[in-house]
Amino acid sequence: MKSGPLGIFDSGVGGLTVVRAVQDLLPAEDILYLGDTARMPYGSKSPETIRQFADEDARFLLAHGVKGIVVACNTATAHALPSLREKFQLPILGVIEAGVDAALANPQAQRIGIIATRGTIRSHAYQHALALRRTGLLIHAQAAPLLAPLVEEDWIDHPATELILKAYLDPLIEKGIDTLMLACTHYPLLISVLRKLLPEDVFLVDSATTCAEHLQRELTRLDLLAPDSHEGKLEVHLTDLSEEFEVLARRFLRKAPGRIQRAVLGGA
């Protein structure tokens, strides 16, 4: 099992932030990435549809012999992680638990803002997990449905993106947040813009980095880490091929992705 690849899936380009963080932290690991670009975004879909999509994503990765799966999508983690763990007998990690751990690592954190897709906000997964871990928190959740499509279009440095981000952030800033959770793996690509708009003392929780750190702990605990002497490779599969994704892949990955392959899922 140690020699098998890690499977990582997301609805689109956002999961590349997790891939990059895993490559930086665990350079010996082979990674098989699946981006369900034909059906993104997941955040606007019903919970039932999200669970169906996540099941098909996981089955695709399992067919390629992965030793573990990272659900690099907050919406899929919120709605599908328990059912995936019930169905499949291998380690399956999501992004929510790691993000909550990071946010609450600061004992002074009291006013926590969350930005995410509508699906993640409506699931109350972050709000519930935070409230269970620490009483007395003031939690302010803001749906930000336009951000993931803007990242997918590579509009990260576009003036329109900054204006839209400001509209989402202003209500949270007015509430005096001390922590902002980026509860979508697309959003770490916007950190440079976020830093311009947020007060300096607001702590940012990057779901990609926290997820990679959680993965490292789990692989160590399960004795599934690849040998240090191995040089990890990346294999990318997409359900819809586009030049835009390839541009983003080259921009945000530590290593060039090589030839991107088309994936065919159950009903895709």
C-alpha atoms as a PDB file:
ATOM      1  CA  MET A   1       0.000   0.000   0.000  1.00  0.00           C
ATOM      2  CA  LYS A   2       2.866   2.399   0.706  1.00  0.00           C
ATOM      3  CA  SER A   3       3.778   2.451  -2.975  1.00  0.00           C
ATOM      4  CA  GLY A   4       0.254   3.288  -4.156  1.00  0.00           C
ATOM      5  CA  PRO A   5      -0.667   6.830  -5.188  1.00  0.00           C
ATOM      6  CA  LEU A   6      -2.748   9.226  -3.164  1.00  0.00           C
ATOM      7  CA  GLY A   7      -6.075  10.039  -4.761  1.00  0.00           C
ATOM      8  CA  ILE A   8      -7.288  13.646  -4.575  1.00  0.00           C
ATOM      9  CA  PHE A   9     -10.548  14.832  -6.082  1.00  0.00           C
ATOM     10  CA  ASP A  10     -12.379  18.123  -6.430  1.00  0.00           C
ATOM     11  CA  SER A  11     -15.011  19.628  -8.677  1.00  0.00           C
ATOM     12  CA  GLY A  12     -12.394  21.608 -10.588  1.00  0.00           C
ATOM     13  CA  VAL A  13      -9.204  23.582 -10.203  1.00  0.00           C
ATOM     14  CA  GLY A  14      -9.503  24.331  -6.488  1.00  0.00           C
ATOM     15  CA  GLY A  15      -8.069  20.995  -5.466  1.00  0.00           C
ATOM     16  CA  LEU A  16      -4.796  21.980  -7.118  1.00  0.00           C
ATOM     17  CA  THR A  17      -4.087  24.028  -3.996  1.00  0.00           C
ATOM     18  CA  VAL A  18      -4.221  20.806  -1.979  1.00  0.00           C
ATOM     19  CA  VAL A  19      -2.031  19.031  -4.555  1.00  0.00           C
ATOM     20  CA  ARG A  20       0.543  21.815  -4.308  1.00  0.00           C
ATOM     21  CA  ALA A  21       0.515  21.704  -0.495  1.00  0.00           C
ATOM     22  CA  VAL A  22       0.894  17.908  -0.501  1.00  0.00           C
ATOM     23  CA  GLN A  23       3.744  18.111  -3.023  1.00  0.00           C
ATOM     24  CA  ASP A  24       5.529  20.636  -0.809  1.00  0.00           C
ATOM     25  CA  LEU A  25       5.037  18.643   2.405  1.00  0.00           C
ATOM     26  CA  LEU A  26       5.226  15.082   1.037  1.00  0.00           C
ATOM     27  CA  PRO A  27       7.403  15.199  -2.102  1.00  0.00           C
ATOM     28  CA  ALA A  28       7.826  11.407  -2.189  1.00  0.00           C
ATOM     29  CA  GLU A  29       4.118  10.723  -2.688  1.00  0.00           C
ATOM     30  CA  ASP A  30       2.629   9.882  -6.076  1.00  0.00           C
ATOM     31  CA  ILE A  31      -0.632  11.782  -6.605  1.00  0.00           C
ATOM     32  CA  LEU A  32      -3.565  10.947  -8.845  1.00  0.00           C
ATOM     33  CA  TYR A  33      -5.762  14.030  -9.195  1.00  0.00           C
ATOM     34  CA  LEU A  34      -9.327  13.986 -10.482  1.00  0.00           C
ATOM     35  CA  GLY A  35     -11.036  17.265 -11.344  1.00  0.00           C
ATOM     36  CA  ASP A  36     -14.728  16.908 -12.169  1.00  0.00           C
ATOM     37  CA  THR A  37     -14.594  19.999 -14.361  1.00  0.00           C
ATOM     38  CA  ALA A  38     -17.568  18.903 -16.486  1.00  0.00           C
ATOM     39  CA  ARG A  39     -19.910  19.187 -13.503  1.00  0.00           C
ATOM     40  CA  MET A  40     -18.439  21.999 -11.434  1.00  0.00           C
ATOM     41  CA  PRO A  41     -19.365  23.813  -9.269  1.00  0.00           C
ATOM     42  CA  TYR A  42     -20.598  21.336  -6.674  1.00  0.00           C
ATOM     43  CA  GLY A  43     -21.585  24.156  -4.323  1.00  0.00           C
ATOM     44  CA  SER A  44     -24.843  24.883  -6.134  1.00  0.00           C
ATOM     45  CA  LYS A  45     -25.968  21.232  -6.313  1.00  0.00           C
ATOM     46  CA  SER A  46     -28.329  19.345  -3.975  1.00  0.00           C
ATOM     47  CA  PRO A  47     -26.829  17.150  -1.213  1.00  0.00           C
ATOM     48  CA  GLU A  48     -28.094  14.028  -3.000  1.00  0.00           C
ATOM     49  CA  THR A  49     -26.391  15.008  -6.255  1.00  0.00           C
ATOM     50  CA  ILE A  50     -23.167  15.873  -4.451  1.00  0.00           C
ATOM     51  CA  ARG A  51     -23.117  12.451  -2.784  1.00  0.00           C
ATOM     52  CA  GLN A  52     -23.651  10.778  -6.154  1.00  0.00           C
ATOM     53  CA  PHE A  53     -20.834  12.764  -7.767  1.00  0.00           C
ATOM     54  CA  ALA A  54     -18.466  12.102  -4.851  1.00  0.00           C
ATOM     55  CA  ASP A  55     -19.223   8.376  -5.039  1.00  0.00           C
ATOM     56  CA  GLU A  56     -18.338   8.342  -8.748  1.00  0.00           C
ATOM     57  CA  ASP A  57     -15.171  10.363  -8.087  1.00  0.00           C
ATOM     58  CA  ALA A  58     -14.048   7.951  -5.370  1.00  0.00           C
ATOM     59  CA  ARG A  59     -14.759   4.875  -7.510  1.00  0.00           C
ATOM     60  CA  PHE A  60     -12.656   6.314 -10.336  1.00  0.00           C
ATOM     61  CA  LEU A  61      -9.702   6.799  -7.980  1.00  0.00           C
ATOM     62  CA  LEU A  62     -10.137   3.360  -6.423  1.00  0.00           C
ATOM     63  CA  ALA A  63     -10.052   1.792  -9.889  1.00  0.00           C
ATOM     64  CA  HIS A  64      -6.582   3.342 -10.251  1.00  0.00           C
ATOM     65  CA  GLY A  65      -5.284   1.685  -7.077  1.00  0.00           C
ATOM     66  CA  VAL A  66      -5.000   4.621  -4.683  1.00  0.00           C
ATOM     67  CA  LYS A  67      -3.970   3.938  -1.070  1.00  0.00           C
ATOM     68  CA  GLY A  68      -6.065   6.782   0.329  1.00  0.00           C
ATOM     69  CA  ILE A  69      -8.381   9.548  -0.828  1.00  0.00           C
ATOM     70  CA  VAL A  70      -8.458  13.254  -0.024  1.00  0.00           C
ATOM     71  CA  VAL A  71     -11.783  14.931  -0.678  1.00  0.00           C
ATOM     72  CA  ALA A  72     -10.339  18.308  -1.688  1.00  0.00           C
ATOM     73  CA  CYS A  73     -13.767  19.911  -1.910  1.00  0.00           C
ATOM     74  CA  ASN A  74     -15.465  21.468   1.092  1.00  0.00           C
ATOM     75  CA  THR A  75     -18.961  20.912  -0.273  1.00  0.00           C
ATOM     76  CA  ALA A  76     -18.293  17.225  -0.942  1.00  0.00           C
ATOM     77  CA  THR A  77     -16.644  16.862   2.469  1.00  0.00           C
ATOM     78  CA  ALA A  78     -19.668  18.411   4.151  1.00  0.00           C
ATOM     79  CA  HIS A  79     -22.254  16.256   2.392  1.00  0.00           C
ATOM     80  CA  ALA A  80     -20.505  13.048   1.314  1.00  0.00           C
ATOM     81  CA  LEU A  81     -17.572  12.210   3.612  1.00  0.00           C
ATOM     82  CA  PRO A  82     -19.535   9.999   6.060  1.00  0.00           C
ATOM     83  CA  SER A  83     -21.132   7.971   3.253  1.00  0.00           C
ATOM     84  CA  LEU A  84     -17.783   7.547   1.468  1.00  0.00           C
ATOM     85  CA  ARG A  85     -16.188   6.242   4.663  1.00  0.00           C
ATOM     86  CA  GLU A  86     -19.029   3.768   5.127  1.00  0.00           C
ATOM     87  CA  LYS A  87     -18.707   2.408   1.575  1.00  0.00           C
ATOM     88  CA  PHE A  88     -14.970   2.185   1.044  1.00  0.00           C
ATOM     89  CA  GLN A  89     -12.351   0.449   3.177  1.00  0.00           C
ATOM     90  CA  LEU A  90      -9.397   2.812   2.931  1.00  0.00           C
ATOM     91  CA  PRO A  91      -8.377   6.107   4.550  1.00  0.00           C
ATOM     92  CA  ILE A  92     -10.580   8.972   3.308  1.00  0.00           C
ATOM     93  CA  LEU A  93      -9.875  12.484   4.551  1.00  0.00           C
ATOM     94  CA  GLY A  94     -11.777  15.718   4.085  1.00  0.00           C
ATOM     95  CA  VAL A  95     -10.839  19.343   4.500  1.00  0.00           C
ATOM     96  CA  ILE A  96     -13.194  20.467   7.279  1.00  0.00           C
ATOM     97  CA  GLU A  97     -11.685  18.785  10.325  1.00  0.00           C
ATOM     98  CA  ALA A  98      -8.190  20.054   9.525  1.00  0.00           C
ATOM     99  CA  GLY A  99      -9.453  23.603   8.993  1.00  0.00           C
ATOM    100  CA  VAL A 100     -11.328  23.630  12.288  1.00  0.00           C
ATOM    101  CA  ASP A 101      -8.220  22.360  14.093  1.00  0.00           C
ATOM    102  CA  ALA A 102      -6.158  25.186  12.612  1.00  0.00           C
ATOM    103  CA  ALA A 103      -8.719  27.882  13.411  1.00  0.00           C
ATOM    104  CA  LEU A 104      -8.984  26.800  17.040  1.00  0.00           C
ATOM    105  CA  ALA A 105      -5.238  26.361  17.522  1.00  0.00           C
ATOM    106  CA  ASN A 106      -5.318  30.014  18.593  1.00  0.00           C
ATOM    107  CA  PRO A 107      -6.911  30.052  22.066  1.00  0.00           C
ATOM    108  CA  GLN A 108      -7.781  33.734  21.586  1.00  0.00           C
ATOM    109  CA  ALA A 109      -9.942  33.129  18.527  1.00  0.00           C
ATOM    110  CA  GLN A 110     -13.473  34.293  19.330  1.00  0.00           C
ATOM    111  CA  ARG A 111     -15.015  35.804  16.193  1.00  0.00           C
ATOM    112  CA  ILE A 112     -14.625  33.434  13.270  1.00  0.00           C
ATOM    113  CA  GLY A 113     -15.659  34.277   9.733  1.00  0.00           C
ATOM    114  CA  ILE A 114     -16.244  31.605   7.101  1.00  0.00           C
ATOM    115  CA  ILE A 115     -16.432  32.109   3.338  1.00  0.00           C
ATOM    116  CA  ALA A 116     -17.525  29.160   1.217  1.00  0.00           C
ATOM    117  CA  THR A 117     -19.877  28.004  -1.496  1.00  0.00           C
ATOM    118  CA  ARG A 118     -23.611  28.068  -0.799  1.00  0.00           C
ATOM    119  CA  GLY A 119     -23.624  24.297  -0.409  1.00  0.00           C
ATOM    120  CA  THR A 120     -20.953  24.338   2.299  1.00  0.00           C
ATOM    121  CA  ILE A 121     -22.602  27.217   4.187  1.00  0.00           C
ATOM    122  CA  ARG A 122     -26.039  25.574   4.015  1.00  0.00           C
ATOM    123  CA  SER A 123     -24.639  22.296   5.348  1.00  0.00           C
ATOM    124  CA  HIS A 124     -23.603  24.089   8.592  1.00  0.00           C
ATOM    125  CA  ALA A 125     -20.687  21.634   8.711  1.00  0.00           C
ATOM    126  CA  TYR A 126     -18.098  24.240   9.742  1.00  0.00           C
ATOM    127  CA  GLN A 127     -20.438  26.061  12.101  1.00  0.00           C
ATOM    128  CA  HIS A 128     -21.389  22.806  13.820  1.00  0.00           C
ATOM    129  CA  ALA A 129     -17.802  21.537  14.066  1.00  0.00           C
ATOM    130  CA  LEU A 130     -16.567  24.835  15.523  1.00  0.00           C
ATOM    131  CA  ALA A 131     -19.396  25.072  18.057  1.00  0.00           C
ATOM    132  CA  LEU A 132     -18.804  21.494  19.223  1.00  0.00           C
ATOM    133  CA  ARG A 133     -15.143  22.208  19.845  1.00  0.00           C
ATOM    134  CA  ARG A 134     -15.406  25.533  21.655  1.00  0.00           C
ATOM    135  CA  THR A 135     -18.322  27.217  23.360  1.00  0.00           C
ATOM    136  CA  GLY A 136     -18.921  30.970  23.181  1.00  0.00           C
ATOM    137  CA  LEU A 137     -17.650  31.457  19.643  1.00  0.00           C
ATOM    138  CA  LEU A 138     -19.246  34.076  17.426  1.00  0.00           C
ATOM    139  CA  ILE A 139     -19.411  32.441  14.008  1.00  0.00           C
ATOM    140  CA  HIS A 140     -20.270  34.458  10.910  1.00  0.00           C
ATOM    141  CA  ALA A 141     -20.749  32.482   7.691  1.00  0.00           C
ATOM    142  CA  GLN A 142     -20.823  34.154   4.276  1.00  0.00           C
ATOM    143  CA  ALA A 143     -21.710  32.348   1.061  1.00  0.00           C
ATOM    144  CA  ALA A 144     -19.411  33.476  -1.756  1.00  0.00           C
ATOM    145  CA  PRO A 145     -20.711  31.643  -4.844  1.00  0.00           C
ATOM    146  CA  LEU A 146     -18.989  33.841  -7.428  1.00  0.00           C
ATOM    147  CA  LEU A 147     -15.435  33.216  -6.243  1.00  0.00           C
ATOM    148  CA  ALA A 148     -14.875  29.643  -7.461  1.00  0.00           C
ATOM    149  CA  PRO A 149     -15.994  30.442 -11.029  1.00  0.00           C
ATOM    150  CA  LEU A 150     -13.724  33.499 -11.054  1.00  0.00           C
ATOM    151  CA  VAL A 151     -10.759  31.315 -10.070  1.00  0.00           C
ATOM    152  CA  GLU A 152     -11.738  28.770 -12.713  1.00  0.00           C
ATOM    153  CA  GLU A 153     -11.645  31.582 -15.302  1.00  0.00           C
ATOM    154  CA  ASP A 154      -8.170  32.631 -14.076  1.00  0.00           C
ATOM    155  CA  TRP A 155      -9.544  36.047 -13.082  1.00  0.00           C
ATOM    156  CA  ILE A 156      -7.507  36.029  -9.889  1.00  0.00           C
ATOM    157  CA  ASP A 157      -5.878  39.407 -10.550  1.00  0.00           C
ATOM    158  CA  HIS A 158      -8.898  40.944 -12.294  1.00  0.00           C
ATOM    159  CA  PRO A 159     -10.341  44.155 -10.746  1.00  0.00           C
ATOM    160  CA  ALA A 160     -13.811  42.582 -10.756  1.00  0.00           C
ATOM    161  CA  THR A 161     -12.594  39.815  -8.452  1.00  0.00           C
ATOM    162  CA  GLU A 162     -11.329  42.322  -5.907  1.00  0.00           C
ATOM    163  CA  LEU A 163     -14.655  44.190  -5.984  1.00  0.00           C
ATOM    164  CA  ILE A 164     -16.644  40.989  -5.481  1.00  0.00           C
ATOM    165  CA  LEU A 165     -14.345  39.827  -2.699  1.00  0.00           C
ATOM    166  CA  LYS A 166     -14.742  43.172  -0.949  1.00  0.00           C
ATOM    167  CA  ALA A 167     -18.522  42.838  -1.099  1.00  0.00           C
ATOM    168  CA  TYR A 168     -18.301  39.422   0.572  1.00  0.00           C
ATOM    169  CA  LEU A 169     -15.728  40.473   3.173  1.00  0.00           C
ATOM    170  CA  ASP A 170     -17.102  43.846   4.286  1.00  0.00           C
ATOM    171  CA  PRO A 171     -19.955  42.381   6.389  1.00  0.00           C
ATOM    172  CA  LEU A 172     -17.493  40.053   8.131  1.00  0.00           C
ATOM    173  CA  ILE A 173     -15.001  42.852   8.783  1.00  0.00           C
ATOM    174  CA  GLU A 174     -17.803  44.986  10.231  1.00  0.00           C
ATOM    175  CA  LYS A 175     -18.544  42.166  12.678  1.00  0.00           C
ATOM    176  CA  GLY A 176     -14.934  42.317  13.899  1.00  0.00           C
ATOM    177  CA  ILE A 177     -13.755  38.851  12.911  1.00  0.00           C
ATOM    178  CA  ASP A 178     -10.327  37.800  14.198  1.00  0.00           C
ATOM    179  CA  THR A 179     -10.118  34.650  12.035  1.00  0.00           C
ATOM    180  CA  LEU A 180     -11.203  33.968   8.458  1.00  0.00           C
ATOM    181  CA  MET A 181     -11.608  30.403   7.279  1.00  0.00           C
ATOM    182  CA  LEU A 182     -11.191  29.888   3.540  1.00  0.00           C
ATOM    183  CA  ALA A 183     -13.692  27.028   3.385  1.00  0.00           C
ATOM    184  CA  CYS A 184     -13.228  26.247  -0.298  1.00  0.00           C
ATOM    185  CA  THR A 185     -10.022  24.946  -1.839  1.00  0.00           C
ATOM    186  CA  HIS A 186     -10.318  27.486  -4.652  1.00  0.00           C
ATOM    187  CA  TYR A 187      -9.880  30.364  -2.226  1.00  0.00           C
ATOM    188  CA  PRO A 188      -6.194  29.960  -1.250  1.00  0.00           C
ATOM    189  CA  LEU A 189      -5.447  31.094  -4.813  1.00  0.00           C
ATOM    190  CA  LEU A 190      -6.953  34.444  -3.759  1.00  0.00           C
ATOM    191  CA  ILE A 191      -4.784  34.977  -0.667  1.00  0.00           C
ATOM    192  CA  SER A 192      -2.817  37.877  -2.181  1.00  0.00           C
ATOM    193  CA  VAL A 193      -6.072  39.759  -2.839  1.00  0.00           C
ATOM    194  CA  LEU A 194      -7.504  38.807   0.552  1.00  0.00           C
ATOM    195  CA  ARG A 195      -4.438  40.221   2.313  1.00  0.00           C
ATOM    196  CA  LYS A 196      -5.055  43.580   0.637  1.00  0.00           C
ATOM    197  CA  LEU A 197      -8.667  43.716   1.826  1.00  0.00           C
ATOM    198  CA  LEU A 198      -8.492  42.279   5.341  1.00  0.00           C
ATOM    199  CA  PRO A 199      -7.192  43.985   8.500  1.00  0.00           C
ATOM    200  CA  GLU A 200      -3.621  42.870   9.238  1.00  0.00           C
ATOM    201  CA  ASP A 201      -4.559  41.129  12.475  1.00  0.00           C
ATOM    202  CA  VAL A 202      -7.114  38.753  10.921  1.00  0.00           C
ATOM    203  CA  PHE A 203      -5.737  35.195  10.911  1.00  0.00           C
ATOM    204  CA  LEU A 204      -6.296  33.330   7.635  1.00  0.00           C
ATOM    205  CA  VAL A 205      -6.943  29.585   7.707  1.00  0.00           C
ATOM    206  CA  ASP A 206      -5.873  28.056   4.398  1.00  0.00           C
ATOM    207  CA  SER A 207      -7.758  24.802   3.828  1.00  0.00           C
ATOM    208  CA  ALA A 208      -5.096  23.458   1.467  1.00  0.00           C
ATOM    209  CA  THR A 209      -2.161  23.725   3.865  1.00  0.00           C
ATOM    210  CA  THR A 210      -4.121  22.440   6.850  1.00  0.00           C
ATOM    211  CA  CYS A 211      -5.395  19.498   4.807  1.00  0.00           C
ATOM    212  CA  ALA A 212      -1.869  18.524   3.728  1.00  0.00           C
ATOM    213  CA  GLU A 213      -0.663  18.650   7.338  1.00  0.00           C
ATOM    214  CA  HIS A 214      -3.584  16.471   8.451  1.00  0.00           C
ATOM    215  CA  LEU A 215      -2.799  14.011   5.655  1.00  0.00           C
ATOM    216  CA  GLN A 216       0.838  13.787   6.741  1.00  0.00           C
ATOM    217  CA  ARG A 217      -0.223  12.936  10.307  1.00  0.00           C
ATOM    218  CA  GLU A 218      -2.656  10.254   9.131  1.00  0.00           C
ATOM    219  CA  LEU A 219      -0.218   8.596   6.722  1.00  0.00           C
ATOM    220  CA  THR A 220       2.418   8.567   9.459  1.00  0.00           C
ATOM    221  CA  ARG A 221      -0.039   7.050  11.952  1.00  0.00           C
ATOM    222  CA  LEU A 222      -1.089   4.354   9.467  1.00  0.00           C
ATOM    223  CA  ASP A 223       2.493   3.685   8.295  1.00  0.00           C
ATOM    224  CA  LEU A 224       1.547   4.513   4.705  1.00  0.00           C
ATOM    225  CA  LEU A 225       4.157   7.142   3.860  1.00  0.00           C
ATOM    226  CA  ALA A 226       6.081   6.540   0.657  1.00  0.00           C
ATOM    227  CA  PRO A 227       9.841   5.971   1.066  1.00  0.00           C
ATOM    228  CA  ASP A 228      11.810   9.221   1.209  1.00  0.00           C
ATOM    229  CA  SER A 229      14.006   7.996  -1.642  1.00  0.00           C
ATOM    230  CA  HIS A 230      11.042   7.984  -4.012  1.00  0.00           C
ATOM    231  CA  GLU A 231      10.377  10.988  -6.248  1.00  0.00           C
ATOM    232  CA  GLY A 232       6.650  11.561  -6.347  1.00  0.00           C
ATOM    233  CA  LYS A 233       4.807  11.883  -9.653  1.00  0.00           C
ATOM    234  CA  LEU A 234       1.568  13.663 -10.489  1.00  0.00           C
ATOM    235  CA  GLU A 235      -1.104  12.305 -12.811  1.00  0.00           C
ATOM    236  CA  VAL A 236      -4.050  14.583 -13.643  1.00  0.00           C
ATOM    237  CA  HIS A 237      -7.443  13.462 -14.954  1.00  0.00           C
ATOM    238  CA  LEU A 238     -10.287  15.841 -15.835  1.00  0.00           C
ATOM    239  CA  THR A 239     -13.860  15.109 -16.858  1.00  0.00           C
ATOM    240  CA  ASP A 240     -13.697  18.076 -19.257  1.00  0.00           C
ATOM    241  CA  LEU A 241     -10.457  19.255 -20.828  1.00  0.00           C
ATOM    242  CA  SER A 242      -9.833  22.966 -21.233  1.00  0.00           C
ATOM    243  CA  GLU A 243      -6.918  25.255 -21.996  1.00  0.00           C
ATOM    244  CA  GLU A 244      -7.823  27.359 -18.956  1.00  0.00           C
ATOM    245  CA  PHE A 245      -7.218  24.488 -16.581  1.00  0.00           C
ATOM    246  CA  GLU A 246      -3.845  23.739 -18.125  1.00  0.00           C
ATOM    247  CA  VAL A 247      -2.835  27.391 -17.701  1.00  0.00           C
ATOM    248  CA  LEU A 248      -3.852  27.311 -14.037  1.00  0.00           C
ATOM    249  CA  ALA A 249      -2.142  23.967 -13.497  1.00  0.00           C
ATOM    250  CA  ARG A 250       1.173  25.324 -14.771  1.00  0.00           C
ATOM    251  CA  ARG A 251       0.744  28.467 -12.689  1.00  0.00           C
ATOM    252  CA  PHE A 252      -0.082  26.888  -9.331  1.00  0.00           C
ATOM    253  CA  LEU A 253       1.586  23.480  -9.216  1.00  0.00           C
ATOM    254  CA  ARG A 254       5.122  22.951  -8.027  1.00  0.00           C
ATOM    255  CA  LYS A 255       5.715  20.550 -10.916  1.00  0.00           C
ATOM    256  CA  ALA A 256       4.317  20.652 -14.437  1.00  0.00           C
ATOM    257  CA  PRO A 257       1.346  18.275 -14.633  1.00  0.00           C
ATOM    258  CA  GLY A 258       2.444  16.635 -17.876  1.00  0.00           C
ATOM    259  CA  ARG A 259      -0.212  15.286 -20.188  1.00  0.00           C
ATOM    260  CA  ILE A 260      -3.684  15.808 -18.729  1.00  0.00           C
ATOM    261  CA  GLN A 261      -6.032  12.900 -19.402  1.00  0.00           C
ATOM    262  CA  ARG A 262      -9.803  12.858 -19.805  1.00  0.00           C
ATOM    263  CA  ALA A 263     -11.724  10.929 -17.162  1.00  0.00           C
ATOM    264  CA  VAL A 264     -15.072   9.237 -17.781  1.00  0.00           C
ATOM    265  CA  LEU A 265     -17.173   8.766 -14.669  1.00  0.00           C
ATOM    266  CA  GLY A 266     -20.398   6.869 -14.087  1.00  0.00           C
ATOM    267  CA  GLY A 267     -22.887   9.257 -15.692  1.00  0.00           C
ATOM    268  CA  ALA A 268     -20.461  11.895 -16.935  1.00  0.00           C
END
